[in-house]
């Protein structure tokens, strides 16, 4: 198993890439404020006031998971994760496209 961690300009870990036996998990921390969570998200309750929500969609030959945190003041997309056989060189540009769509409020069109 190999693990690589990429940090942002402040030295904060933002991207983690794990590879084992030709399968990758590529996890990107986001922390982007949204108006509302997707209506088809699976809800994982954390106490009365907080929720973790998860949606999934196909991406290349794998699966992409979106993880949201809902709290009394709003919702944040906190993580996007790819799981599958495609290399980071192929996946990261696709994840970047998805994140740009989220920034423009278009993330629900795939879910």
PDB file of N, CA and C in Angstrom:
ATOM      1  N   UNK A   1       0.842  -1.167   0.000  1.00  0.00           N
ATOM      2  CA  UNK A   1       0.000   0.000   0.000  1.00  0.00           C
ATOM      3  C   UNK A   1       0.893   1.237   0.000  1.00  0.00           C
ATOM      4  N   UNK A   2       0.528   2.212  -0.817  1.00  0.00           N
ATOM      5  CA  UNK A   2       1.227   3.493  -0.806  1.00  0.00           C
ATOM      6  C   UNK A   2       0.234   4.587  -0.453  1.00  0.00           C
ATOM      7  N   UNK A   3       0.711   5.554   0.303  1.00  0.00           N
ATOM      8  CA  UNK A   3      -0.108   6.691   0.722  1.00  0.00           C
ATOM      9  C   UNK A   3       0.669   7.959   0.405  1.00  0.00           C
ATOM     10  N   UNK A   4      -0.004   8.891  -0.277  1.00  0.00           N
ATOM     11  CA  UNK A   4       0.585  10.198  -0.557  1.00  0.00           C
ATOM     12  C   UNK A   4      -0.361  11.265  -0.028  1.00  0.00           C
ATOM     13  N   UNK A   5       0.204  12.294   0.573  1.00  0.00           N
ATOM     14  CA  UNK A   5      -0.583  13.404   1.093  1.00  0.00           C
ATOM     15  C   UNK A   5      -0.074  14.682   0.445  1.00  0.00           C
ATOM     16  N   UNK A   6      -1.007  15.465  -0.109  1.00  0.00           N
ATOM     17  CA  UNK A   6      -0.668  16.749  -0.721  1.00  0.00           C
ATOM     18  C   UNK A   6      -1.218  17.849   0.171  1.00  0.00           C
ATOM     19  N   UNK A   7      -0.396  18.857   0.442  1.00  0.00           N
ATOM     20  CA  UNK A   7      -0.801  19.962   1.304  1.00  0.00           C
ATOM     21  C   UNK A   7      -1.053  21.211   0.475  1.00  0.00           C
ATOM     22  N   UNK A   8      -1.853  22.125   1.039  1.00  0.00           N
ATOM     23  CA  UNK A   8      -2.099  23.391   0.354  1.00  0.00           C
ATOM     24  C   UNK A   8      -0.972  24.372   0.691  1.00  0.00           C
ATOM     25  N   UNK A   9      -1.100  25.612   0.248  1.00  0.00           N
ATOM     26  CA  UNK A   9      -0.064  26.623   0.457  1.00  0.00           C
ATOM     27  C   UNK A   9       0.207  26.943   1.917  1.00  0.00           C
ATOM     28  N   UNK A  10      -0.735  26.611   2.798  1.00  0.00           N
ATOM     29  CA  UNK A  10      -0.559  26.859   4.232  1.00  0.00           C
ATOM     30  C   UNK A  10      -0.017  25.634   4.962  1.00  0.00           C
ATOM     31  N   UNK A  11       0.233  24.549   4.214  1.00  0.00           N
ATOM     32  CA  UNK A  11       0.748  23.341   4.829  1.00  0.00           C
ATOM     33  C   UNK A  11      -0.326  22.424   5.391  1.00  0.00           C
ATOM     34  N   UNK A  12      -1.598  22.698   5.060  1.00  0.00           N
ATOM     35  CA  UNK A  12      -2.714  21.889   5.543  1.00  0.00           C
ATOM     36  C   UNK A  12      -2.956  20.740   4.566  1.00  0.00           C
ATOM     37  N   UNK A  13      -3.016  19.487   5.056  1.00  0.00           N
ATOM     38  CA  UNK A  13      -3.306  18.363   4.157  1.00  0.00           C
ATOM     39  C   UNK A  13      -4.678  18.534   3.497  1.00  0.00           C
ATOM     40  N   UNK A  14      -4.744  18.446   2.166  1.00  0.00           N
ATOM     41  CA  UNK A  14      -6.003  18.613   1.436  1.00  0.00           C
ATOM     42  C   UNK A  14      -6.351  17.408   0.580  1.00  0.00           C
ATOM     43  N   UNK A  15      -5.342  16.715   0.050  1.00  0.00           N
ATOM     44  CA  UNK A  15      -5.588  15.565  -0.821  1.00  0.00           C
ATOM     45  C   UNK A  15      -4.803  14.379  -0.285  1.00  0.00           C
ATOM     46  N   UNK A  16      -5.492  13.256  -0.137  1.00  0.00           N
ATOM     47  CA  UNK A  16      -4.854  12.015   0.265  1.00  0.00           C
ATOM     48  C   UNK A  16      -5.096  10.988  -0.826  1.00  0.00           C
ATOM     49  N   UNK A  17      -4.046  10.322  -1.250  1.00  0.00           N
ATOM     50  CA  UNK A  17      -4.140   9.295  -2.286  1.00  0.00           C
ATOM     51  C   UNK A  17      -3.602   7.997  -1.703  1.00  0.00           C
ATOM     52  N   UNK A  18      -4.457   6.991  -1.689  1.00  0.00           N
ATOM     53  CA  UNK A  18      -4.072   5.672  -1.195  1.00  0.00           C
ATOM     54  C   UNK A  18      -4.209   4.704  -2.361  1.00  0.00           C
ATOM     55  N   UNK A  19      -3.171   3.898  -2.597  1.00  0.00           N
ATOM     56  CA  UNK A  19      -3.198   2.927  -3.689  1.00  0.00           C
ATOM     57  C   UNK A  19      -2.799   1.574  -3.130  1.00  0.00           C
ATOM     58  N   UNK A  20      -3.600   0.582  -3.493  1.00  0.00           N
ATOM     59  CA  UNK A  20      -3.249  -0.785  -3.118  1.00  0.00           C
ATOM     60  C   UNK A  20      -3.818  -1.727  -4.164  1.00  0.00           C
ATOM     61  N   UNK A  21      -2.956  -2.498  -4.748  1.00  0.00           N
ATOM     62  CA  UNK A  21      -3.370  -3.510  -5.705  1.00  0.00           C
ATOM     63  C   UNK A  21      -4.141  -2.969  -6.895  1.00  0.00           C
ATOM     64  N   UNK A  22      -3.776  -1.798  -7.366  1.00  0.00           N
ATOM     65  CA  UNK A  22      -4.442  -1.231  -8.535  1.00  0.00           C
ATOM     66  C   UNK A  22      -5.753  -0.517  -8.235  1.00  0.00           C
ATOM     67  N   UNK A  23      -6.097  -0.360  -6.978  1.00  0.00           N
ATOM     68  CA  UNK A  23      -7.301   0.378  -6.585  1.00  0.00           C
ATOM     69  C   UNK A  23      -6.872   1.632  -5.824  1.00  0.00           C
ATOM     70  N   UNK A  24      -7.545   2.738  -6.114  1.00  0.00           N
ATOM     71  CA  UNK A  24      -7.203   4.014  -5.498  1.00  0.00           C
ATOM     72  C   UNK A  24      -8.359   4.550  -4.666  1.00  0.00           C
ATOM     73  N   UNK A  25      -8.000   5.220  -3.594  1.00  0.00           N
ATOM     74  CA  UNK A  25      -8.917   6.077  -2.857  1.00  0.00           C
ATOM     75  C   UNK A  25      -8.273   7.458  -2.883  1.00  0.00           C
ATOM     76  N   UNK A  26      -8.980   8.407  -3.485  1.00  0.00           N
ATOM     77  CA  UNK A  26      -8.468   9.773  -3.607  1.00  0.00           C
ATOM     78  C   UNK A  26      -9.460  10.667  -2.875  1.00  0.00           C
ATOM     79  N   UNK A  27      -9.007  11.252  -1.784  1.00  0.00           N
ATOM     80  CA  UNK A  27      -9.872  12.025  -0.906  1.00  0.00           C
ATOM     81  C   UNK A  27      -9.435  13.487  -0.905  1.00  0.00           C
ATOM     82  N   UNK A  28     -10.390  14.391  -1.173  1.00  0.00           N
ATOM     83  CA  UNK A  28     -10.100  15.819  -1.244  1.00  0.00           C
ATOM     84  C   UNK A  28     -10.979  16.549  -0.228  1.00  0.00           C
ATOM     85  N   UNK A  29     -10.349  17.282   0.701  1.00  0.00           N
ATOM     86  CA  UNK A  29     -11.096  18.093   1.658  1.00  0.00           C
ATOM     87  C   UNK A  29     -11.512  19.407   0.993  1.00  0.00           C
ATOM     88  N   UNK A  30     -12.765  19.822   1.221  1.00  0.00           N
ATOM     89  CA  UNK A  30     -13.318  20.959   0.501  1.00  0.00           C
ATOM     90  C   UNK A  30     -13.671  22.130   1.417  1.00  0.00           C
ATOM     91  N   UNK A  31     -14.636  21.930   2.314  1.00  0.00           N
ATOM     92  CA  UNK A  31     -15.180  22.951   3.204  1.00  0.00           C
ATOM     93  C   UNK A  31     -15.771  24.119   2.428  1.00  0.00           C
ATOM     94  N   UNK A  32     -16.751  23.799   1.583  1.00  0.00           N
ATOM     95  CA  UNK A  32     -17.423  24.808   0.766  1.00  0.00           C
ATOM     96  C   UNK A  32     -18.869  24.961   1.243  1.00  0.00           C
ATOM     97  N   UNK A  33     -19.253  26.195   1.577  1.00  0.00           N
ATOM     98  CA  UNK A  33     -20.599  26.497   2.054  1.00  0.00           C
ATOM     99  C   UNK A  33     -21.605  26.331   0.911  1.00  0.00           C
ATOM    100  N   UNK A  34     -22.754  25.695   1.202  1.00  0.00           N
ATOM    101  CA  UNK A  34     -23.813  25.493   0.223  1.00  0.00           C
ATOM    102  C   UNK A  34     -25.127  26.043   0.767  1.00  0.00           C
ATOM    103  N   UNK A  35     -26.076  26.273  -0.121  1.00  0.00           N
ATOM    104  CA  UNK A  35     -27.395  26.756   0.299  1.00  0.00           C
ATOM    105  C   UNK A  35     -28.180  25.670   1.015  1.00  0.00           C
ATOM    106  N   UNK A  36     -28.068  24.444   0.503  1.00  0.00           N
ATOM    107  CA  UNK A  36     -28.813  23.321   1.081  1.00  0.00           C
ATOM    108  C   UNK A  36     -28.150  22.020   0.663  1.00  0.00           C
ATOM    109  N   UNK A  37     -28.417  20.956   1.395  1.00  0.00           N
ATOM    110  CA  UNK A  37     -27.858  19.664   0.989  1.00  0.00           C
ATOM    111  C   UNK A  37     -28.681  19.084  -0.161  1.00  0.00           C
ATOM    112  N   UNK A  38     -28.120  18.146  -0.919  1.00  0.00           N
ATOM    113  CA  UNK A  38     -28.897  17.484  -1.961  1.00  0.00           C
ATOM    114  C   UNK A  38     -30.084  16.756  -1.331  1.00  0.00           C
ATOM    115  N   UNK A  39     -31.213  16.759  -2.014  1.00  0.00           N
ATOM    116  CA  UNK A  39     -32.411  16.132  -1.440  1.00  0.00           C
ATOM    117  C   UNK A  39     -32.349  14.606  -1.457  1.00  0.00           C
ATOM    118  N   UNK A  40     -31.420  14.023  -2.177  1.00  0.00           N
ATOM    119  CA  UNK A  40     -31.322  12.562  -2.224  1.00  0.00           C
ATOM    120  C   UNK A  40     -30.179  12.018  -1.367  1.00  0.00           C
ATOM    121  N   UNK A  41     -29.654  12.844  -0.460  1.00  0.00           N
ATOM    122  CA  UNK A  41     -28.517  12.422   0.354  1.00  0.00           C
ATOM    123  C   UNK A  41     -28.943  11.465   1.456  1.00  0.00           C
ATOM    124  N   UNK A  42     -28.096  10.482   1.703  1.00  0.00           N
ATOM    125  CA  UNK A  42     -28.282   9.571   2.833  1.00  0.00           C
ATOM    126  C   UNK A  42     -27.842  10.313   4.085  1.00  0.00           C
ATOM    127  N   UNK A  43     -28.673  10.316   5.116  1.00  0.00           N
ATOM    128  CA  UNK A  43     -28.406  11.077   6.332  1.00  0.00           C
ATOM    129  C   UNK A  43     -27.870  10.157   7.428  1.00  0.00           C
ATOM    130  N   UNK A  44     -26.754  10.570   8.011  1.00  0.00           N
ATOM    131  CA  UNK A  44     -26.192   9.904   9.172  1.00  0.00           C
ATOM    132  C   UNK A  44     -26.271  10.907  10.320  1.00  0.00           C
ATOM    133  N   UNK A  45     -27.131  10.674  11.287  1.00  0.00           N
ATOM    134  CA  UNK A  45     -27.379  11.615  12.380  1.00  0.00           C
ATOM    135  C   UNK A  45     -26.220  11.633  13.368  1.00  0.00           C
ATOM    136  N   UNK A  46     -25.846  12.820  13.813  1.00  0.00           N
ATOM    137  CA  UNK A  46     -24.851  12.983  14.864  1.00  0.00           C
ATOM    138  C   UNK A  46     -25.483  13.905  15.899  1.00  0.00           C
ATOM    139  N   UNK A  47     -26.132  13.344  16.864  1.00  0.00           N
ATOM    140  CA  UNK A  47     -26.834  14.158  17.848  1.00  0.00           C
ATOM    141  C   UNK A  47     -28.078  14.764  17.236  1.00  0.00           C
ATOM    142  N   UNK A  48     -28.676  15.711  17.943  1.00  0.00           N
ATOM    143  CA  UNK A  48     -29.918  16.328  17.476  1.00  0.00           C
ATOM    144  C   UNK A  48     -29.685  17.464  16.497  1.00  0.00           C
ATOM    145  N   UNK A  49     -28.548  18.120  16.588  1.00  0.00           N
ATOM    146  CA  UNK A  49     -28.331  19.340  15.813  1.00  0.00           C
ATOM    147  C   UNK A  49     -27.470  19.173  14.574  1.00  0.00           C
ATOM    148  N   UNK A  50     -26.733  18.088  14.452  1.00  0.00           N
ATOM    149  CA  UNK A  50     -25.770  17.938  13.371  1.00  0.00           C
ATOM    150  C   UNK A  50     -26.041  16.679  12.571  1.00  0.00           C
ATOM    151  N   UNK A  51     -25.787  16.765  11.260  1.00  0.00           N
ATOM    152  CA  UNK A  51     -25.961  15.608  10.385  1.00  0.00           C
ATOM    153  C   UNK A  51     -24.789  15.536   9.415  1.00  0.00           C
ATOM    154  N   UNK A  52     -24.402  14.320   9.100  1.00  0.00           N
ATOM    155  CA  UNK A  52     -23.489  14.052   7.996  1.00  0.00           C
ATOM    156  C   UNK A  52     -24.362  13.456   6.900  1.00  0.00           C
ATOM    157  N   UNK A  53     -24.234  13.978   5.693  1.00  0.00           N
ATOM    158  CA  UNK A  53     -25.011  13.492   4.558  1.00  0.00           C
ATOM    159  C   UNK A  53     -24.046  13.010   3.484  1.00  0.00           C
ATOM    160  N   UNK A  54     -24.417  11.960   2.779  1.00  0.00           N
ATOM    161  CA  UNK A  54     -23.547  11.374   1.761  1.00  0.00           C
ATOM    162  C   UNK A  54     -24.355  11.131   0.485  1.00  0.00           C
ATOM    163  N   UNK A  55     -23.781  11.493  -0.641  1.00  0.00           N
ATOM    164  CA  UNK A  55     -24.338  11.111  -1.938  1.00  0.00           C
ATOM    165  C   UNK A  55     -23.222  10.436  -2.733  1.00  0.00           C
ATOM    166  N   UNK A  56     -23.626   9.627  -3.703  1.00  0.00           N
ATOM    167  CA  UNK A  56     -22.664   8.912  -4.545  1.00  0.00           C
ATOM    168  C   UNK A  56     -23.069   9.037  -6.003  1.00  0.00           C
ATOM    169  N   UNK A  57     -22.063   8.966  -6.870  1.00  0.00           N
ATOM    170  CA  UNK A  57     -22.303   8.922  -8.312  1.00  0.00           C
ATOM    171  C   UNK A  57     -21.128   8.247  -8.981  1.00  0.00           C
ATOM    172  N   UNK A  58     -21.349   7.778 -10.182  1.00  0.00           N
ATOM    173  CA  UNK A  58     -20.272   7.153 -10.958  1.00  0.00           C
ATOM    174  C   UNK A  58     -19.307   8.241 -11.424  1.00  0.00           C
ATOM    175  N   UNK A  59     -18.032   7.897 -11.460  1.00  0.00           N
ATOM    176  CA  UNK A  59     -17.010   8.786 -11.997  1.00  0.00           C
ATOM    177  C   UNK A  59     -15.953   7.902 -12.643  1.00  0.00           C
ATOM    178  N   UNK A  60     -15.732   8.104 -13.934  1.00  0.00           N
ATOM    179  CA  UNK A  60     -14.836   7.270 -14.717  1.00  0.00           C
ATOM    180  C   UNK A  60     -15.221   5.807 -14.496  1.00  0.00           C
ATOM    181  N   UNK A  61     -14.291   4.968 -14.029  1.00  0.00           N
ATOM    182  CA  UNK A  61     -14.622   3.553 -13.793  1.00  0.00           C
ATOM    183  C   UNK A  61     -14.869   3.257 -12.318  1.00  0.00           C
ATOM    184  N   UNK A  62     -15.010   4.302 -11.514  1.00  0.00           N
ATOM    185  CA  UNK A  62     -15.180   4.124 -10.075  1.00  0.00           C
ATOM    186  C   UNK A  62     -16.407   4.862  -9.556  1.00  0.00           C
ATOM    187  N   UNK A  63     -16.355   5.176  -8.273  1.00  0.00           N
ATOM    188  CA  UNK A  63     -17.448   5.850  -7.586  1.00  0.00           C
ATOM    189  C   UNK A  63     -16.911   7.101  -6.915  1.00  0.00           C
ATOM    190  N   UNK A  64     -17.710   8.142  -6.935  1.00  0.00           N
ATOM    191  CA  UNK A  64     -17.369   9.392  -6.270  1.00  0.00           C
ATOM    192  C   UNK A  64     -18.384   9.611  -5.152  1.00  0.00           C
ATOM    193  N   UNK A  65     -17.906   9.898  -3.952  1.00  0.00           N
ATOM    194  CA  UNK A  65     -18.761  10.180  -2.809  1.00  0.00           C
ATOM    195  C   UNK A  65     -18.602  11.639  -2.410  1.00  0.00           C
ATOM    196  N   UNK A  66     -19.726  12.285  -2.139  1.00  0.00           N
ATOM    197  CA  UNK A  66     -19.744  13.653  -1.638  1.00  0.00           C
ATOM    198  C   UNK A  66     -20.191  13.585  -0.181  1.00  0.00           C
ATOM    199  N   UNK A  67     -19.440  14.206   0.718  1.00  0.00           N
ATOM    200  CA  UNK A  67     -19.776  14.190   2.139  1.00  0.00           C
ATOM    201  C   UNK A  67     -20.096  15.624   2.570  1.00  0.00           C
ATOM    202  N   UNK A  68     -21.294  15.794   3.152  1.00  0.00           N
ATOM    203  CA  UNK A  68     -21.784  17.099   3.585  1.00  0.00           C
ATOM    204  C   UNK A  68     -21.943  17.116   5.094  1.00  0.00           C
ATOM    205  N   UNK A  69     -21.765  18.284   5.682  1.00  0.00           N
ATOM    206  CA  UNK A  69     -21.992  18.487   7.114  1.00  0.00           C
ATOM    207  C   UNK A  69     -23.079  19.537   7.261  1.00  0.00           C
ATOM    208  N   UNK A  70     -24.204  19.149   7.873  1.00  0.00           N
ATOM    209  CA  UNK A  70     -25.306  20.078   8.083  1.00  0.00           C
ATOM    210  C   UNK A  70     -25.355  20.434   9.565  1.00  0.00           C
ATOM    211  N   UNK A  71     -25.425  21.708   9.843  1.00  0.00           N
ATOM    212  CA  UNK A  71     -25.443  22.226  11.199  1.00  0.00           C
ATOM    213  C   UNK A  71     -26.507  23.313  11.259  1.00  0.00           C
ATOM    214  N   UNK A  72     -26.875  23.815  12.452  1.00  0.00           N
ATOM    215  CA  UNK A  72     -27.968  24.784  12.541  1.00  0.00           C
ATOM    216  C   UNK A  72     -27.801  26.018  11.649  1.00  0.00           C
ATOM    217  N   UNK A  73     -26.572  26.434  11.355  1.00  0.00           N
ATOM    218  CA  UNK A  73     -26.357  27.631  10.544  1.00  0.00           C
ATOM    219  C   UNK A  73     -26.193  27.393   9.058  1.00  0.00           C
ATOM    220  N   UNK A  74     -26.209  26.142   8.591  1.00  0.00           N
ATOM    221  CA  UNK A  74     -26.029  25.907   7.174  1.00  0.00           C
ATOM    222  C   UNK A  74     -25.539  24.514   6.834  1.00  0.00           C
ATOM    223  N   UNK A  75     -24.956  24.425   5.626  1.00  0.00           N
ATOM    224  CA  UNK A  75     -24.462  23.149   5.105  1.00  0.00           C
ATOM    225  C   UNK A  75     -23.119  23.402   4.436  1.00  0.00           C
ATOM    226  N   UNK A  76     -22.192  22.483   4.639  1.00  0.00           N
ATOM    227  CA  UNK A  76     -20.912  22.538   3.941  1.00  0.00           C
ATOM    228  C   UNK A  76     -20.647  21.216   3.244  1.00  0.00           C
ATOM    229  N   UNK A  77     -20.113  21.298   2.026  1.00  0.00           N
ATOM    230  CA  UNK A  77     -19.519  20.132   1.379  1.00  0.00           C
ATOM    231  C   UNK A  77     -18.119  20.041   1.975  1.00  0.00           C
ATOM    232  N   UNK A  78     -17.841  18.941   2.685  1.00  0.00           N
ATOM    233  CA  UNK A  78     -16.559  18.871   3.383  1.00  0.00           C
ATOM    234  C   UNK A  78     -15.547  17.935   2.733  1.00  0.00           C
ATOM    235  N   UNK A  79     -16.029  16.999   1.880  1.00  0.00           N
ATOM    236  CA  UNK A  79     -15.095  16.047   1.299  1.00  0.00           C
ATOM    237  C   UNK A  79     -15.673  15.447   0.029  1.00  0.00           C
ATOM    238  N   UNK A  80     -14.801  15.232  -0.941  1.00  0.00           N
ATOM    239  CA  UNK A  80     -15.141  14.486  -2.149  1.00  0.00           C
ATOM    240  C   UNK A  80     -14.117  13.357  -2.244  1.00  0.00           C
ATOM    241  N   UNK A  81     -14.634  12.143  -2.483  1.00  0.00           N
ATOM    242  CA  UNK A  81     -13.749  10.974  -2.468  1.00  0.00           C
ATOM    243  C   UNK A  81     -14.030  10.109  -3.695  1.00  0.00           C
ATOM    244  N   UNK A  82     -12.969   9.718  -4.381  1.00  0.00           N
ATOM    245  CA  UNK A  82     -13.057   8.781  -5.500  1.00  0.00           C
ATOM    246  C   UNK A  82     -12.537   7.434  -5.027  1.00  0.00           C
ATOM    247  N   UNK A  83     -13.241   6.363  -5.404  1.00  0.00           N
ATOM    248  CA  UNK A  83     -12.807   5.000  -5.106  1.00  0.00           C
ATOM    249  C   UNK A  83     -12.907   4.200  -6.400  1.00  0.00           C
ATOM    250  N   UNK A  84     -11.777   3.681  -6.878  1.00  0.00           N
ATOM    251  CA  UNK A  84     -11.813   2.910  -8.109  1.00  0.00           C
ATOM    252  C   UNK A  84     -10.437   2.687  -8.695  1.00  0.00           C
ATOM    253  N   UNK A  85     -10.389   2.151  -9.929  1.00  0.00           N
ATOM    254  CA  UNK A  85      -9.125   1.737 -10.534  1.00  0.00           C
ATOM    255  C   UNK A  85      -8.391   2.830 -11.323  1.00  0.00           C
ATOM    256  N   UNK A  86      -9.019   3.990 -11.531  1.00  0.00           N
ATOM    257  CA  UNK A  86      -8.390   5.021 -12.363  1.00  0.00           C
ATOM    258  C   UNK A  86      -7.272   5.742 -11.611  1.00  0.00           C
ATOM    259  N   UNK A  87      -6.231   6.118 -12.358  1.00  0.00           N
ATOM    260  CA  UNK A  87      -5.055   6.742 -11.744  1.00  0.00           C
ATOM    261  C   UNK A  87      -5.376   8.167 -11.277  1.00  0.00           C
ATOM    262  N   UNK A  88      -4.632   8.652 -10.291  1.00  0.00           N
ATOM    263  CA  UNK A  88      -4.819  10.027  -9.839  1.00  0.00           C
ATOM    264  C   UNK A  88      -4.675  11.044 -10.970  1.00  0.00           C
ATOM    265  N   UNK A  89      -3.792  10.766 -11.949  1.00  0.00           N
ATOM    266  CA  UNK A  89      -3.627  11.684 -13.084  1.00  0.00           C
ATOM    267  C   UNK A  89      -4.922  11.837 -13.882  1.00  0.00           C
ATOM    268  N   UNK A  90      -5.743  10.788 -13.919  1.00  0.00           N
ATOM    269  CA  UNK A  90      -7.026  10.860 -14.619  1.00  0.00           C
ATOM    270  C   UNK A  90      -8.136  11.390 -13.715  1.00  0.00           C
ATOM    271  N   UNK A  91      -8.087  11.034 -12.439  1.00  0.00           N
ATOM    272  CA  UNK A  91      -9.172  11.361 -11.516  1.00  0.00           C
ATOM    273  C   UNK A  91      -9.133  12.813 -11.056  1.00  0.00           C
ATOM    274  N   UNK A  92      -7.962  13.317 -10.697  1.00  0.00           N
ATOM    275  CA  UNK A  92      -7.890  14.661 -10.126  1.00  0.00           C
ATOM    276  C   UNK A  92      -8.456  15.751 -11.037  1.00  0.00           C
ATOM    277  N   UNK A  93      -8.205  15.735 -12.355  1.00  0.00           N
ATOM    278  CA  UNK A  93      -8.849  16.740 -13.210  1.00  0.00           C
ATOM    279  C   UNK A  93     -10.380  16.627 -13.209  1.00  0.00           C
ATOM    280  N   UNK A  94     -10.896  15.395 -13.135  1.00  0.00           N
ATOM    281  CA  UNK A  94     -12.347  15.199 -13.095  1.00  0.00           C
ATOM    282  C   UNK A  94     -12.932  15.701 -11.773  1.00  0.00           C
ATOM    283  N   UNK A  95     -12.225  15.451 -10.677  1.00  0.00           N
ATOM    284  CA  UNK A  95     -12.675  15.970  -9.390  1.00  0.00           C
ATOM    285  C   UNK A  95     -12.641  17.498  -9.389  1.00  0.00           C
ATOM    286  N   UNK A  96     -11.627  18.067 -10.024  1.00  0.00           N
ATOM    287  CA  UNK A  96     -11.538  19.524 -10.119  1.00  0.00           C
ATOM    288  C   UNK A  96     -12.739  20.096 -10.875  1.00  0.00           C
ATOM    289  N   UNK A  97     -13.158  19.427 -11.953  1.00  0.00           N
ATOM    290  CA  UNK A  97     -14.353  19.859 -12.687  1.00  0.00           C
ATOM    291  C   UNK A  97     -15.583  19.824 -11.792  1.00  0.00           C
ATOM    292  N   UNK A  98     -15.717  18.743 -11.021  1.00  0.00           N
ATOM    293  CA  UNK A  98     -16.854  18.633 -10.106  1.00  0.00           C
ATOM    294  C   UNK A  98     -16.845  19.760  -9.082  1.00  0.00           C
ATOM    295  N   UNK A  99     -15.686  20.079  -8.554  1.00  0.00           N
ATOM    296  CA  UNK A  99     -15.593  21.140  -7.550  1.00  0.00           C
ATOM    297  C   UNK A  99     -15.921  22.496  -8.140  1.00  0.00           C
ATOM    298  N   UNK A 100     -15.554  22.725  -9.394  1.00  0.00           N
ATOM    299  CA  UNK A 100     -15.943  23.973 -10.060  1.00  0.00           C
ATOM    300  C   UNK A 100     -17.452  24.044 -10.249  1.00  0.00           C
ATOM    301  N   UNK A 101     -18.077  22.910 -10.537  1.00  0.00           N
ATOM    302  CA  UNK A 101     -19.532  22.872 -10.665  1.00  0.00           C
ATOM    303  C   UNK A 101     -20.203  23.168  -9.326  1.00  0.00           C
ATOM    304  N   UNK A 102     -19.632  22.635  -8.246  1.00  0.00           N
ATOM    305  CA  UNK A 102     -20.163  22.920  -6.911  1.00  0.00           C
ATOM    306  C   UNK A 102     -20.066  24.421  -6.630  1.00  0.00           C
ATOM    307  N   UNK A 103     -18.945  25.027  -7.009  1.00  0.00           N
ATOM    308  CA  UNK A 103     -18.757  26.460  -6.772  1.00  0.00           C
ATOM    309  C   UNK A 103     -19.797  27.293  -7.514  1.00  0.00           C
ATOM    310  N   UNK A 104     -20.320  26.756  -8.612  1.00  0.00           N
ATOM    311  CA  UNK A 104     -21.328  27.467  -9.398  1.00  0.00           C
ATOM    312  C   UNK A 104     -22.738  26.952  -9.135  1.00  0.00           C
ATOM    313  N   UNK A 105     -22.908  26.159  -8.083  1.00  0.00           N
ATOM    314  CA  UNK A 105     -24.230  25.692  -7.688  1.00  0.00           C
ATOM    315  C   UNK A 105     -24.818  24.630  -8.587  1.00  0.00           C
ATOM    316  N   UNK A 106     -23.976  23.891  -9.322  1.00  0.00           N
ATOM    317  CA  UNK A 106     -24.477  22.897 -10.282  1.00  0.00           C
ATOM    318  C   UNK A 106     -24.293  21.459  -9.804  1.00  0.00           C
ATOM    319  N   UNK A 107     -23.906  21.268  -8.538  1.00  0.00           N
ATOM    320  CA  UNK A 107     -23.559  19.927  -8.094  1.00  0.00           C
ATOM    321  C   UNK A 107     -24.751  18.976  -8.089  1.00  0.00           C
ATOM    322  N   UNK A 108     -25.960  19.496  -8.019  1.00  0.00           N
ATOM    323  CA  UNK A 108     -27.137  18.617  -7.924  1.00  0.00           C
ATOM    324  C   UNK A 108     -27.511  17.997  -9.261  1.00  0.00           C
ATOM    325  N   UNK A 109     -26.978  18.489 -10.369  1.00  0.00           N
ATOM    326  CA  UNK A 109     -27.390  17.961 -11.661  1.00  0.00           C
ATOM    327  C   UNK A 109     -26.915  16.516 -11.877  1.00  0.00           C
ATOM    328  N   UNK A 110     -25.953  16.050 -11.113  1.00  0.00           N
ATOM    329  CA  UNK A 110     -25.451  14.692 -11.261  1.00  0.00           C
ATOM    330  C   UNK A 110     -26.055  13.733 -10.252  1.00  0.00           C
ATOM    331  N   UNK A 111     -26.823  14.238  -9.321  1.00  0.00           N
ATOM    332  CA  UNK A 111     -27.238  13.387  -8.206  1.00  0.00           C
ATOM    333  C   UNK A 111     -28.712  13.154  -8.190  1.00  0.00           C
TER     334      UNK A 111
END
